[in-house]
Amino acid sequence: AHQALSTALGTCDSHGKGWVSWGNLWDQLLQAKKDKGGTSAADVQQRNQYVEYVINCYLQGVKHGCDRARFMLAKVLWLVEQHEDTAALGAEFDKNVDSVPSWNWISWIPTLLGALSRPSQAARSRKLLSKLAAEYPQALYCPLRRFLIEKQGQSRASEEAAPKPAP
């Protein structure tokens, strides 16, 4: 299956459904590898490689307009979160995310705002949110406002809960 998809997409790489099918194949291989276990460096490296392939295939599917691939953006964000310590994975995501039309990320604004709180994902989220702010400011306004109000409330609550020094 891998060879057939590789040949097909090598011939016509703009077929979004083919990219999603290839991503599904890599995802199945990744799940089989996880179920099998293995903690050796080679096993971990192979799983990380599969994650990179899954992310690349799904983002390519979105780039080429496949509706099914847009549903896979949740999986892409989840994989990035789960494997945030892998530098190559972040590079793969950064390389391919620019080619995805930004309107695809509008429904994921709350998730991207939440990722700002995680230092390993903040730069990626900030980049996507900046792009959305430039192209779709109204789509970002309400979720961003709610996010900032919640953060402000959390800050106040932590300040009130902190013990006050004795005079």
N, C-alpha and C. Protein backbone atom coordinates (compact mmCIF):
# COMPACT_ATOMS: atom_id res chain seq x y z
N ALA A 1 0.83 -1.19 0.00
CA ALA A 1 0.00 0.00 0.00
C ALA A 1 0.87 1.25 0.00
N HIS A 2 1.94 1.21 0.79
CA HIS A 2 2.84 2.36 0.85
C HIS A 2 3.43 2.67 -0.52
N GLN A 3 3.87 1.64 -1.21
CA GLN A 3 4.49 1.83 -2.54
C GLN A 3 3.47 2.35 -3.54
N ALA A 4 2.24 1.83 -3.49
CA ALA A 4 1.20 2.28 -4.42
C ALA A 4 0.84 3.75 -4.17
N LEU A 5 0.69 4.13 -2.92
CA LEU A 5 0.38 5.53 -2.61
C LEU A 5 1.54 6.45 -2.97
N SER A 6 2.75 5.99 -2.72
CA SER A 6 3.93 6.77 -3.06
C SER A 6 4.00 7.02 -4.56
N THR A 7 3.74 6.00 -5.34
CA THR A 7 3.76 6.13 -6.80
C THR A 7 2.64 7.04 -7.28
N ALA A 8 1.44 6.84 -6.74
CA ALA A 8 0.29 7.64 -7.16
C ALA A 8 0.49 9.12 -6.85
N LEU A 9 0.96 9.43 -5.65
CA LEU A 9 1.13 10.82 -5.28
C LEU A 9 2.38 11.42 -5.90
N GLY A 10 3.33 10.57 -6.28
CA GLY A 10 4.48 11.06 -7.03
C GLY A 10 4.07 11.49 -8.43
N THR A 11 3.07 10.83 -8.97
CA THR A 11 2.56 11.16 -10.30
C THR A 11 1.66 12.39 -10.26
N CYS A 12 0.77 12.44 -9.27
CA CYS A 12 -0.17 13.55 -9.15
C CYS A 12 -0.27 13.93 -7.67
N ASP A 13 0.59 14.85 -7.24
CA ASP A 13 0.65 15.16 -5.81
C ASP A 13 -0.44 16.11 -5.35
N SER A 14 -1.32 16.53 -6.23
CA SER A 14 -2.38 17.46 -5.83
C SER A 14 -3.70 16.76 -5.54
N HIS A 15 -3.67 15.47 -5.37
CA HIS A 15 -4.88 14.70 -5.06
C HIS A 15 -5.01 14.58 -3.54
N GLY A 16 -5.86 15.41 -2.96
CA GLY A 16 -5.99 15.49 -1.51
C GLY A 16 -6.41 14.20 -0.85
N LYS A 17 -7.35 13.47 -1.49
CA LYS A 17 -7.81 12.22 -0.89
C LYS A 17 -6.68 11.18 -0.82
N GLY A 18 -5.80 11.21 -1.78
CA GLY A 18 -4.64 10.31 -1.75
C GLY A 18 -3.73 10.61 -0.56
N TRP A 19 -3.53 11.90 -0.28
CA TRP A 19 -2.72 12.29 0.87
C TRP A 19 -3.37 11.82 2.17
N VAL A 20 -4.69 11.95 2.26
CA VAL A 20 -5.38 11.52 3.47
C VAL A 20 -5.27 9.99 3.61
N SER A 21 -5.42 9.27 2.53
CA SER A 21 -5.30 7.81 2.58
C SER A 21 -3.90 7.40 3.04
N TRP A 22 -2.91 8.10 2.52
CA TRP A 22 -1.53 7.79 2.92
C TRP A 22 -1.32 8.15 4.39
N GLY A 23 -1.89 9.25 4.83
CA GLY A 23 -1.82 9.62 6.24
C GLY A 23 -2.49 8.59 7.13
N ASN A 24 -3.63 8.06 6.68
CA ASN A 24 -4.31 7.02 7.44
C ASN A 24 -3.45 5.76 7.54
N LEU A 25 -2.77 5.43 6.46
CA LEU A 25 -1.88 4.27 6.48
C LEU A 25 -0.76 4.47 7.50
N TRP A 26 -0.13 5.65 7.48
CA TRP A 26 0.94 5.94 8.45
C TRP A 26 0.39 5.94 9.87
N ASP A 27 -0.83 6.43 10.05
CA ASP A 27 -1.44 6.46 11.37
C ASP A 27 -1.68 5.04 11.87
N GLN A 28 -2.14 4.15 11.00
CA GLN A 28 -2.34 2.76 11.39
C GLN A 28 -1.01 2.10 11.76
N LEU A 29 0.03 2.41 10.99
CA LEU A 29 1.36 1.86 11.31
C LEU A 29 1.86 2.41 12.65
N LEU A 30 1.59 3.68 12.90
CA LEU A 30 1.98 4.29 14.17
C LEU A 30 1.26 3.63 15.34
N GLN A 31 -0.04 3.41 15.20
CA GLN A 31 -0.80 2.77 16.28
C GLN A 31 -0.32 1.34 16.52
N ALA A 32 -0.01 0.62 15.45
CA ALA A 32 0.50 -0.74 15.60
C ALA A 32 1.85 -0.73 16.32
N LYS A 33 2.67 0.24 15.99
CA LYS A 33 3.98 0.36 16.63
C LYS A 33 3.83 0.72 18.10
N LYS A 34 2.88 1.61 18.41
CA LYS A 34 2.65 1.97 19.81
C LYS A 34 2.11 0.78 20.60
N ASP A 35 1.19 0.02 19.99
CA ASP A 35 0.62 -1.14 20.67
C ASP A 35 1.67 -2.20 20.93
N LYS A 36 2.61 -2.31 20.01
CA LYS A 36 3.68 -3.29 20.14
C LYS A 36 4.62 -2.91 21.27
N GLY A 37 4.73 -1.62 21.52
CA GLY A 37 5.61 -1.14 22.59
C GLY A 37 7.03 -0.99 22.10
N GLY A 38 7.93 -1.09 23.01
CA GLY A 38 9.33 -0.94 22.68
C GLY A 38 9.83 0.42 23.13
N THR A 39 10.87 0.39 23.91
CA THR A 39 11.41 1.64 24.44
C THR A 39 12.82 1.92 23.95
N SER A 40 13.29 1.11 23.04
CA SER A 40 14.65 1.35 22.54
C SER A 40 14.67 2.64 21.72
N ALA A 41 15.85 3.18 21.56
CA ALA A 41 16.00 4.43 20.81
C ALA A 41 15.50 4.28 19.38
N ALA A 42 15.73 3.11 18.78
CA ALA A 42 15.29 2.88 17.40
C ALA A 42 13.76 2.86 17.31
N ASP A 43 13.09 2.26 18.30
CA ASP A 43 11.62 2.23 18.31
C ASP A 43 11.04 3.63 18.47
N VAL A 44 11.59 4.40 19.37
CA VAL A 44 11.12 5.77 19.59
C VAL A 44 11.35 6.62 18.34
N GLN A 45 12.51 6.45 17.73
CA GLN A 45 12.81 7.21 16.52
C GLN A 45 11.85 6.85 15.39
N GLN A 46 11.55 5.56 15.25
CA GLN A 46 10.63 5.14 14.19
C GLN A 46 9.22 5.68 14.44
N ARG A 47 8.76 5.66 15.70
CA ARG A 47 7.44 6.22 16.01
C ARG A 47 7.41 7.71 15.70
N ASN A 48 8.46 8.43 16.05
CA ASN A 48 8.52 9.86 15.75
C ASN A 48 8.51 10.12 14.25
N GLN A 49 9.17 9.25 13.50
CA GLN A 49 9.17 9.37 12.04
C GLN A 49 7.77 9.17 11.49
N TYR A 50 7.05 8.18 12.03
CA TYR A 50 5.68 7.94 11.59
C TYR A 50 4.78 9.14 11.90
N VAL A 51 4.99 9.75 13.06
CA VAL A 51 4.20 10.93 13.43
C VAL A 51 4.45 12.06 12.42
N GLU A 52 5.71 12.25 12.05
CA GLU A 52 6.04 13.27 11.04
C GLU A 52 5.32 12.99 9.73
N TYR A 53 5.31 11.73 9.31
CA TYR A 53 4.65 11.37 8.06
C TYR A 53 3.14 11.61 8.13
N VAL A 54 2.54 11.25 9.28
CA VAL A 54 1.09 11.46 9.44
C VAL A 54 0.77 12.94 9.33
N ILE A 55 1.52 13.78 10.03
CA ILE A 55 1.28 15.22 10.01
C ILE A 55 1.47 15.78 8.60
N ASN A 56 2.53 15.38 7.95
CA ASN A 56 2.80 15.85 6.59
C ASN A 56 1.67 15.47 5.65
N CYS A 57 1.24 14.23 5.69
CA CYS A 57 0.18 13.76 4.78
C CYS A 57 -1.13 14.49 5.02
N TYR A 58 -1.53 14.64 6.28
CA TYR A 58 -2.80 15.31 6.56
C TYR A 58 -2.75 16.78 6.17
N LEU A 59 -1.64 17.46 6.45
CA LEU A 59 -1.54 18.87 6.05
C LEU A 59 -1.50 19.03 4.54
N GLN A 60 -0.88 18.09 3.84
CA GLN A 60 -0.89 18.13 2.37
C GLN A 60 -2.31 17.92 1.85
N GLY A 61 -3.06 17.02 2.50
CA GLY A 61 -4.45 16.80 2.10
C GLY A 61 -5.29 18.07 2.26
N VAL A 62 -5.09 18.79 3.37
CA VAL A 62 -5.81 20.05 3.58
C VAL A 62 -5.38 21.08 2.54
N LYS A 63 -4.10 21.13 2.28
CA LYS A 63 -3.56 22.07 1.29
C LYS A 63 -4.23 21.88 -0.07
N HIS A 64 -4.49 20.63 -0.44
CA HIS A 64 -5.06 20.33 -1.75
C HIS A 64 -6.59 20.23 -1.73
N GLY A 65 -7.21 20.74 -0.66
CA GLY A 65 -8.65 20.93 -0.65
C GLY A 65 -9.50 19.73 -0.32
N CYS A 66 -8.96 18.73 0.32
CA CYS A 66 -9.76 17.56 0.68
C CYS A 66 -10.56 17.85 1.95
N ASP A 67 -11.88 17.70 1.87
CA ASP A 67 -12.73 17.96 3.02
C ASP A 67 -12.44 17.01 4.18
N ARG A 68 -12.17 15.75 3.88
CA ARG A 68 -11.86 14.78 4.93
C ARG A 68 -10.60 15.16 5.68
N ALA A 69 -9.67 15.78 4.99
CA ALA A 69 -8.40 16.15 5.62
C ALA A 69 -8.61 17.26 6.64
N ARG A 70 -9.58 18.14 6.40
CA ARG A 70 -9.84 19.21 7.36
C ARG A 70 -10.27 18.65 8.71
N PHE A 71 -10.96 17.51 8.70
CA PHE A 71 -11.35 16.87 9.95
C PHE A 71 -10.13 16.30 10.67
N MET A 72 -9.06 16.08 9.94
CA MET A 72 -7.85 15.51 10.53
C MET A 72 -6.98 16.57 11.21
N LEU A 73 -7.35 17.84 11.10
CA LEU A 73 -6.58 18.88 11.78
C LEU A 73 -6.59 18.67 13.29
N ALA A 74 -7.67 18.11 13.82
CA ALA A 74 -7.72 17.79 15.24
C ALA A 74 -6.63 16.76 15.59
N LYS A 75 -6.49 15.78 14.74
CA LYS A 75 -5.46 14.76 14.96
C LYS A 75 -4.07 15.38 14.86
N VAL A 76 -3.88 16.27 13.90
CA VAL A 76 -2.59 16.95 13.74
C VAL A 76 -2.24 17.73 15.00
N LEU A 77 -3.18 18.52 15.50
CA LEU A 77 -2.92 19.30 16.71
C LEU A 77 -2.67 18.40 17.91
N TRP A 78 -3.40 17.29 18.00
CA TRP A 78 -3.20 16.35 19.09
C TRP A 78 -1.81 15.71 19.01
N LEU A 79 -1.40 15.31 17.82
CA LEU A 79 -0.07 14.71 17.66
C LEU A 79 1.04 15.70 18.00
N VAL A 80 0.86 16.94 17.59
CA VAL A 80 1.87 17.95 17.92
C VAL A 80 1.95 18.13 19.43
N GLU A 81 0.81 18.12 20.10
CA GLU A 81 0.80 18.27 21.55
C GLU A 81 1.43 17.07 22.24
N GLN A 82 1.13 15.86 21.76
CA GLN A 82 1.64 14.64 22.38
C GLN A 82 3.14 14.46 22.18
N HIS A 83 3.65 14.97 21.08
CA HIS A 83 5.06 14.77 20.74
C HIS A 83 5.79 16.11 20.68
N GLU A 84 5.47 16.99 21.62
CA GLU A 84 6.01 18.34 21.58
C GLU A 84 7.51 18.41 21.83
N ASP A 85 8.09 17.34 22.38
CA ASP A 85 9.52 17.36 22.66
C ASP A 85 10.37 16.96 21.46
N THR A 86 9.75 16.62 20.35
CA THR A 86 10.47 16.20 19.15
C THR A 86 10.69 17.41 18.24
N ALA A 87 11.94 17.82 18.10
CA ALA A 87 12.25 19.01 17.30
C ALA A 87 11.93 18.81 15.82
N ALA A 88 12.20 17.62 15.31
CA ALA A 88 11.94 17.36 13.89
C ALA A 88 10.45 17.44 13.58
N LEU A 89 9.63 17.03 14.53
CA LEU A 89 8.18 17.09 14.34
C LEU A 89 7.73 18.55 14.23
N GLY A 90 8.25 19.39 15.10
CA GLY A 90 7.91 20.80 15.04
C GLY A 90 8.35 21.43 13.74
N ALA A 91 9.50 21.04 13.25
CA ALA A 91 10.00 21.56 11.97
C ALA A 91 9.10 21.11 10.82
N GLU A 92 8.64 19.87 10.87
CA GLU A 92 7.74 19.34 9.83
C GLU A 92 6.41 20.10 9.84
N PHE A 93 5.89 20.33 11.03
CA PHE A 93 4.63 21.08 11.17
C PHE A 93 4.82 22.50 10.64
N ASP A 94 5.90 23.16 11.05
CA ASP A 94 6.15 24.54 10.61
C ASP A 94 6.33 24.64 9.10
N LYS A 95 6.98 23.63 8.52
CA LYS A 95 7.23 23.64 7.08
C LYS A 95 5.93 23.54 6.29
N ASN A 96 5.00 22.74 6.76
CA ASN A 96 3.78 22.47 6.00
C ASN A 96 2.60 23.36 6.37
N VAL A 97 2.62 23.95 7.55
CA VAL A 97 1.45 24.70 7.99
C VAL A 97 1.26 25.98 7.17
N ASP A 98 2.32 26.54 6.63
CA ASP A 98 2.19 27.77 5.83
C ASP A 98 1.45 27.52 4.52
N SER A 99 1.50 26.31 4.02
CA SER A 99 0.83 26.01 2.75
C SER A 99 -0.66 25.72 2.93
N VAL A 100 -1.10 25.56 4.17
CA VAL A 100 -2.52 25.30 4.45
C VAL A 100 -3.26 26.63 4.47
N PRO A 101 -4.35 26.76 3.72
CA PRO A 101 -5.12 28.01 3.77
C PRO A 101 -5.55 28.32 5.21
N SER A 102 -5.35 29.55 5.61
CA SER A 102 -5.54 29.90 7.02
C SER A 102 -6.99 29.78 7.48
N TRP A 103 -7.96 29.87 6.58
CA TRP A 103 -9.35 29.76 7.02
C TRP A 103 -9.64 28.39 7.63
N ASN A 104 -8.82 27.38 7.32
CA ASN A 104 -9.02 26.05 7.90
C ASN A 104 -8.79 26.04 9.41
N TRP A 105 -8.04 27.02 9.91
CA TRP A 105 -7.70 27.05 11.33
C TRP A 105 -8.71 27.84 12.16
N ILE A 106 -9.69 28.48 11.54
CA ILE A 106 -10.62 29.33 12.29
C ILE A 106 -11.36 28.54 13.36
N SER A 107 -11.81 27.34 13.05
CA SER A 107 -12.55 26.57 14.05
C SER A 107 -11.66 26.06 15.18
N TRP A 108 -10.35 26.17 15.02
CA TRP A 108 -9.40 25.70 16.02
C TRP A 108 -8.80 26.84 16.83
N ILE A 109 -9.37 28.03 16.73
CA ILE A 109 -8.84 29.19 17.46
C ILE A 109 -8.80 28.94 18.97
N PRO A 110 -9.85 28.41 19.61
CA PRO A 110 -9.76 28.18 21.06
C PRO A 110 -8.62 27.20 21.43
N THR A 111 -8.43 26.19 20.62
CA THR A 111 -7.34 25.23 20.87
C THR A 111 -5.99 25.92 20.72
N LEU A 112 -5.84 26.74 19.70
CA LEU A 112 -4.59 27.46 19.49
C LEU A 112 -4.33 28.46 20.61
N LEU A 113 -5.38 29.10 21.11
CA LEU A 113 -5.21 30.02 22.24
C LEU A 113 -4.77 29.26 23.49
N GLY A 114 -5.34 28.09 23.71
CA GLY A 114 -4.93 27.27 24.84
C GLY A 114 -3.48 26.83 24.74
N ALA A 115 -3.01 26.60 23.52
CA ALA A 115 -1.63 26.18 23.32
C ALA A 115 -0.64 27.30 23.63
N LEU A 116 -1.10 28.54 23.68
CA LEU A 116 -0.22 29.66 24.06
C LEU A 116 0.30 29.49 25.48
N SER A 117 -0.43 28.76 26.31
CA SER A 117 -0.03 28.55 27.71
C SER A 117 1.08 27.52 27.85
N ARG A 118 1.31 26.74 26.81
CA ARG A 118 2.35 25.71 26.84
C ARG A 118 3.59 26.24 26.10
N PRO A 119 4.68 26.42 26.82
CA PRO A 119 5.87 27.04 26.21
C PRO A 119 6.36 26.35 24.93
N SER A 120 6.24 25.03 24.87
CA SER A 120 6.75 24.32 23.70
C SER A 120 5.90 24.55 22.45
N GLN A 121 4.65 24.96 22.63
CA GLN A 121 3.76 25.17 21.49
C GLN A 121 3.41 26.63 21.25
N ALA A 122 3.85 27.50 22.14
CA ALA A 122 3.45 28.91 22.07
C ALA A 122 3.88 29.57 20.77
N ALA A 123 5.09 29.30 20.31
CA ALA A 123 5.59 29.96 19.09
C ALA A 123 4.76 29.55 17.87
N ARG A 124 4.46 28.26 17.75
CA ARG A 124 3.65 27.79 16.62
C ARG A 124 2.26 28.39 16.66
N SER A 125 1.65 28.37 17.84
CA SER A 125 0.30 28.91 17.98
C SER A 125 0.28 30.40 17.70
N ARG A 126 1.28 31.10 18.20
CA ARG A 126 1.34 32.55 17.98
C ARG A 126 1.45 32.86 16.50
N LYS A 127 2.22 32.06 15.79
CA LYS A 127 2.38 32.27 14.34
C LYS A 127 1.05 32.09 13.61
N LEU A 128 0.35 31.01 13.92
CA LEU A 128 -0.95 30.76 13.29
C LEU A 128 -1.98 31.82 13.67
N LEU A 129 -2.00 32.19 14.95
CA LEU A 129 -2.96 33.20 15.39
C LEU A 129 -2.67 34.57 14.79
N SER A 130 -1.40 34.89 14.60
CA SER A 130 -1.05 36.16 13.96
C SER A 130 -1.53 36.18 12.51
N LYS A 131 -1.36 35.06 11.85
CA LYS A 131 -1.82 34.95 10.47
C LYS A 131 -3.35 35.09 10.41
N LEU A 132 -4.04 34.45 11.35
CA LEU A 132 -5.50 34.57 11.40
C LEU A 132 -5.93 35.99 11.73
N ALA A 133 -5.21 36.65 12.63
CA ALA A 133 -5.55 38.02 13.01
C ALA A 133 -5.41 38.97 11.83
N ALA A 134 -4.42 38.72 10.99
CA ALA A 134 -4.23 39.57 9.83
C ALA A 134 -5.30 39.34 8.77
N GLU A 135 -5.72 38.09 8.60
CA GLU A 135 -6.67 37.77 7.53
C GLU A 135 -8.13 37.75 7.99
N TYR A 136 -8.37 37.34 9.23
CA TYR A 136 -9.74 37.20 9.74
C TYR A 136 -9.83 37.76 11.16
N PRO A 137 -9.66 39.06 11.33
CA PRO A 137 -9.63 39.62 12.70
C PRO A 137 -10.93 39.43 13.46
N GLN A 138 -12.05 39.45 12.78
CA GLN A 138 -13.33 39.30 13.48
C GLN A 138 -13.52 37.89 14.02
N ALA A 139 -12.96 36.90 13.33
CA ALA A 139 -13.07 35.52 13.80
C ALA A 139 -12.25 35.30 15.07
N LEU A 140 -11.22 36.09 15.25
CA LEU A 140 -10.33 35.94 16.40
C LEU A 140 -10.77 36.79 17.59
N TYR A 141 -11.53 37.84 17.36
CA TYR A 141 -11.82 38.81 18.41
C TYR A 141 -12.50 38.20 19.63
N CYS A 142 -13.64 37.57 19.47
CA CYS A 142 -14.39 37.04 20.62
C CYS A 142 -13.65 35.93 21.37
N PRO A 143 -13.10 34.94 20.68
CA PRO A 143 -12.35 33.92 21.43
C PRO A 143 -11.13 34.49 22.16
N LEU A 144 -10.45 35.44 21.53
CA LEU A 144 -9.28 36.04 22.17
C LEU A 144 -9.69 36.86 23.38
N ARG A 145 -10.76 37.60 23.26
CA ARG A 145 -11.25 38.40 24.38
C ARG A 145 -11.62 37.49 25.56
N ARG A 146 -12.34 36.41 25.28
CA ARG A 146 -12.71 35.47 26.34
C ARG A 146 -11.47 34.84 26.98
N PHE A 147 -10.50 34.49 26.15
CA PHE A 147 -9.26 33.89 26.64
C PHE A 147 -8.53 34.86 27.58
N LEU A 148 -8.43 36.12 27.18
CA LEU A 148 -7.73 37.12 27.99
C LEU A 148 -8.47 37.39 29.30
N ILE A 149 -9.80 37.44 29.26
CA ILE A 149 -10.58 37.64 30.49
C ILE A 149 -10.38 36.47 31.44
N GLU A 150 -10.37 35.24 30.91
CA GLU A 150 -10.14 34.06 31.75
C GLU A 150 -8.76 34.10 32.37
N LYS A 151 -7.76 34.46 31.60
CA LYS A 151 -6.38 34.54 32.12
C LYS A 151 -6.28 35.61 33.20
N GLN A 152 -6.95 36.73 32.97
CA GLN A 152 -6.94 37.81 33.95
C GLN A 152 -7.61 37.33 35.25
N GLY A 153 -8.71 36.62 35.14
CA GLY A 153 -9.38 36.07 36.31
C GLY A 153 -8.51 35.07 37.05
N GLN A 154 -7.78 34.24 36.31
CA GLN A 154 -6.88 33.28 36.94
C GLN A 154 -5.75 33.98 37.67
N SER A 155 -5.24 35.05 37.08
CA SER A 155 -4.17 35.81 37.73
C SER A 155 -4.65 36.43 39.03
N ARG A 156 -5.84 37.00 39.00
CA ARG A 156 -6.40 37.60 40.22
C ARG A 156 -6.62 36.55 41.29
N ALA A 157 -7.14 35.40 40.89
CA ALA A 157 -7.41 34.33 41.86
C ALA A 157 -6.11 33.82 42.48
N SER A 158 -5.06 33.70 41.69
CA SER A 158 -3.79 33.22 42.25
C SER A 158 -3.16 34.26 43.15
N GLU A 159 -3.35 35.55 42.85
CA GLU A 159 -2.83 36.62 43.71
C GLU A 159 -3.56 36.65 45.04
N GLU A 160 -4.88 36.44 45.01
CA GLU A 160 -5.66 36.43 46.23
C GLU A 160 -5.37 35.21 47.07
N ALA A 161 -5.08 34.08 46.42
CA ALA A 161 -4.80 32.84 47.15
C ALA A 161 -3.40 32.80 47.72
N ALA A 162 -2.51 33.61 47.19
CA ALA A 162 -1.13 33.61 47.66
C ALA A 162 -1.08 34.18 49.08
N PRO A 163 -0.25 33.58 49.94
CA PRO A 163 -0.16 34.09 51.31
C PRO A 163 0.49 35.48 51.31
N LYS A 164 -0.08 36.33 52.13
CA LYS A 164 0.42 37.70 52.22
C LYS A 164 1.50 37.74 53.27
N PRO A 165 2.58 38.49 52.98
CA PRO A 165 3.66 38.57 53.97
C PRO A 165 3.20 39.32 55.22
N ALA A 166 3.71 38.88 56.34
CA ALA A 166 3.36 39.52 57.61
C ALA A 166 4.06 40.87 57.69
N PRO A 167 3.35 41.89 58.22
CA PRO A 167 3.98 43.22 58.31
C PRO A 167 4.98 43.31 59.42
